[in-house]
Amino acid sequence: MTKTINLSFSGYWREEHKGSIPNESGIYGVYTCNYIPPKEDKKRSVTLKKLIYIGEAKEVRDRISEHEKWDEWRKELAEKEQICFTFAPENKSNREQSECALIFYHKPNCNEKCKDSFPYEETTVTSTGKHKFIKSPITVKKTEQ
């Protein structure tokens, strides 16, 4: 039987605005991006370049602020690029499984765990909202350990 997890992503937050990311339980994506300043009445925006990390935490804003991978994330930046984030609220029971499914499927450069194996039952993750480079839906099957 396949477990289905639905994620609704919001964002994008640049590094300088990481304090605005919800401090809730959930999944987050880390991207390289270019900031586009506002012109006249248009909104400011970012152009996302690549997904470099997927994580989960009980309190996402605190986890991002104190993350040990900041130096590794910065090594992924090209000239004039910045780090940006997306966030999807998710309860504890699904956080680790959905994080692992997304990592196993997408294999972001800065992730290590779950890149080569998926220890959970067959899982489908559907993502809506702001989740560029995170395909939806995805289905991953348990791998042999």
Protein backbone atom coordinates (compact mmCIF):
# COMPACT_ATOMS: atom_id res chain seq x y z
CA MET A 1 0.00 0.00 0.00
CA THR A 2 1.32 3.43 -0.93
CA LYS A 3 1.43 6.21 1.65
CA THR A 4 0.55 9.62 0.19
CA ILE A 5 1.89 12.84 1.69
CA ASN A 6 0.70 16.25 0.47
CA LEU A 7 3.02 19.23 0.92
CA SER A 8 2.03 22.85 0.33
CA PHE A 9 5.14 25.02 -0.09
CA SER A 10 5.32 28.76 0.47
CA GLY A 11 8.25 31.10 -0.06
CA TYR A 12 10.65 32.16 -1.39
CA TRP A 13 12.78 33.77 1.30
CA ARG A 14 16.27 35.08 0.64
CA GLU A 15 18.96 34.57 3.27
CA GLU A 16 18.57 38.10 4.64
CA HIS A 17 14.87 37.38 5.28
CA LYS A 18 15.25 33.92 6.82
CA GLY A 19 13.86 35.33 10.07
CA SER A 20 10.46 35.51 8.33
CA ILE A 21 10.33 31.78 7.62
CA PRO A 22 7.67 30.13 9.83
CA ASN A 23 9.13 28.52 12.93
CA GLU A 24 6.88 25.49 12.54
CA SER A 25 7.29 21.79 11.96
CA GLY A 26 7.95 21.09 8.31
CA ILE A 27 10.05 20.48 5.23
CA TYR A 28 12.28 23.11 3.64
CA GLY A 29 14.17 23.45 0.40
CA VAL A 30 17.40 25.40 -0.07
CA TYR A 31 18.10 26.97 -3.47
CA THR A 32 20.63 29.13 -5.23
CA CYS A 33 18.90 32.18 -6.68
CA ASN A 34 19.30 35.63 -8.19
CA TYR A 35 17.46 38.53 -6.63
CA ILE A 36 15.53 40.80 -8.99
CA PRO A 37 14.86 44.23 -7.40
CA PRO A 38 11.42 45.79 -7.95
CA LYS A 39 10.86 48.13 -10.89
CA GLU A 40 8.12 50.74 -10.63
CA ASP A 41 4.95 49.03 -9.34
CA LYS A 42 6.20 45.47 -9.82
CA LYS A 43 7.03 43.16 -6.95
CA ARG A 44 10.57 42.10 -6.19
CA SER A 45 11.30 38.51 -7.10
CA VAL A 46 13.94 35.85 -7.34
CA THR A 47 15.03 33.58 -10.15
CA LEU A 48 15.77 30.16 -8.73
CA LYS A 49 18.83 28.46 -10.21
CA LYS A 50 19.03 25.06 -8.51
CA LEU A 51 17.81 23.03 -5.55
CA ILE A 52 20.83 22.25 -3.35
CA TYR A 53 19.36 20.82 -0.12
CA ILE A 54 16.14 19.42 1.37
CA GLY A 55 15.64 19.26 5.12
CA GLU A 56 13.07 18.77 7.86
CA ALA A 57 12.77 20.19 11.33
CA LYS A 58 10.45 20.64 14.29
CA GLU A 59 11.15 24.39 14.12
CA VAL A 60 12.27 25.20 10.58
CA ARG A 61 13.35 28.84 11.08
CA ASP A 62 15.56 27.92 14.05
CA ARG A 63 17.02 24.94 12.20
CA ILE A 64 17.92 27.01 9.14
CA SER A 65 19.45 29.78 11.26
CA GLU A 66 21.68 27.34 13.14
CA HIS A 67 22.34 24.89 10.28
CA GLU A 68 25.81 23.37 10.05
CA LYS A 69 25.73 23.32 6.22
CA TRP A 70 25.83 27.08 5.58
CA ASP A 71 29.44 26.93 4.33
CA GLU A 72 28.59 24.01 2.05
CA TRP A 73 25.51 25.84 0.71
CA ARG A 74 27.58 28.95 -0.01
CA LYS A 75 30.07 26.89 -2.03
CA GLU A 76 27.19 26.14 -4.44
CA LEU A 77 26.68 29.84 -5.25
CA ALA A 78 27.82 31.32 -8.55
CA GLU A 79 28.75 34.99 -8.78
CA LYS A 80 25.90 37.30 -7.63
CA GLU A 81 23.76 34.38 -6.47
CA GLN A 82 22.14 34.14 -3.06
CA ILE A 83 20.61 31.41 -0.93
CA CYS A 84 16.80 31.16 -0.92
CA PHE A 85 14.35 28.93 0.94
CA THR A 86 10.92 27.41 0.56
CA PHE A 87 8.85 25.87 3.37
CA ALA A 88 5.98 23.38 3.70
CA PRO A 89 4.35 22.71 7.08
CA GLU A 90 4.26 19.01 7.98
CA ASN A 91 3.65 17.06 11.16
CA LYS A 92 6.29 14.94 12.85
CA SER A 93 4.85 11.64 11.68
CA ASN A 94 5.39 12.52 8.00
CA ARG A 95 8.38 14.89 8.13
CA GLU A 96 11.22 12.37 7.97
CA GLN A 97 9.50 10.14 5.43
CA SER A 98 8.62 12.99 3.06
CA GLU A 99 12.10 14.54 3.44
CA CYS A 100 13.75 11.19 2.65
CA ALA A 101 11.48 10.60 -0.36
CA LEU A 102 12.28 14.03 -1.79
CA ILE A 103 16.02 13.60 -1.23
CA PHE A 104 16.05 10.08 -2.70
CA TYR A 105 14.19 11.25 -5.80
CA HIS A 106 15.96 14.61 -6.40
CA LYS A 107 19.44 13.93 -4.94
CA PRO A 108 20.38 17.56 -4.09
CA ASN A 109 24.14 18.20 -4.02
CA CYS A 110 24.35 19.08 -0.30
CA ASN A 111 22.29 16.17 1.06
CA GLU A 112 23.89 12.93 2.19
CA LYS A 113 21.31 10.80 3.98
CA CYS A 114 18.63 9.13 1.85
CA LYS A 115 20.46 9.77 -1.43
CA ASP A 116 21.23 6.10 -1.98
CA SER A 117 18.45 4.29 -0.13
CA PHE A 118 14.83 4.73 0.90
CA PRO A 119 13.93 2.75 4.06
CA TYR A 120 10.17 3.51 4.13
CA GLU A 121 7.17 1.85 2.54
CA GLU A 122 6.25 3.03 -0.97
CA THR A 123 5.55 6.75 -0.70
CA THR A 124 3.98 9.32 -2.99
CA VAL A 125 4.69 12.99 -2.28
CA THR A 126 2.52 15.62 -3.95
CA SER A 127 3.79 19.20 -3.76
CA THR A 128 1.85 22.38 -4.43
CA GLY A 129 2.74 26.05 -4.12
CA LYS A 130 6.29 27.38 -4.41
CA HIS A 131 8.42 24.31 -5.07
CA LYS A 132 10.45 24.91 -8.23
CA PHE A 133 12.73 21.96 -9.10
CA ILE A 134 10.74 19.73 -6.73
CA LYS A 135 8.78 17.48 -9.07
CA SER A 136 5.22 16.54 -8.22
CA PRO A 137 3.93 13.99 -7.76
CA ILE A 138 6.79 11.61 -7.08
CA THR A 139 6.59 8.01 -5.94
CA VAL A 140 9.52 6.16 -4.41
CA LYS A 141 9.75 2.53 -3.34
CA LYS A 142 11.59 0.99 -0.43
CA THR A 143 15.11 -0.09 -1.35
CA GLU A 144 17.01 -3.07 -0.01
CA GLN A 145 19.34 -2.13 2.84
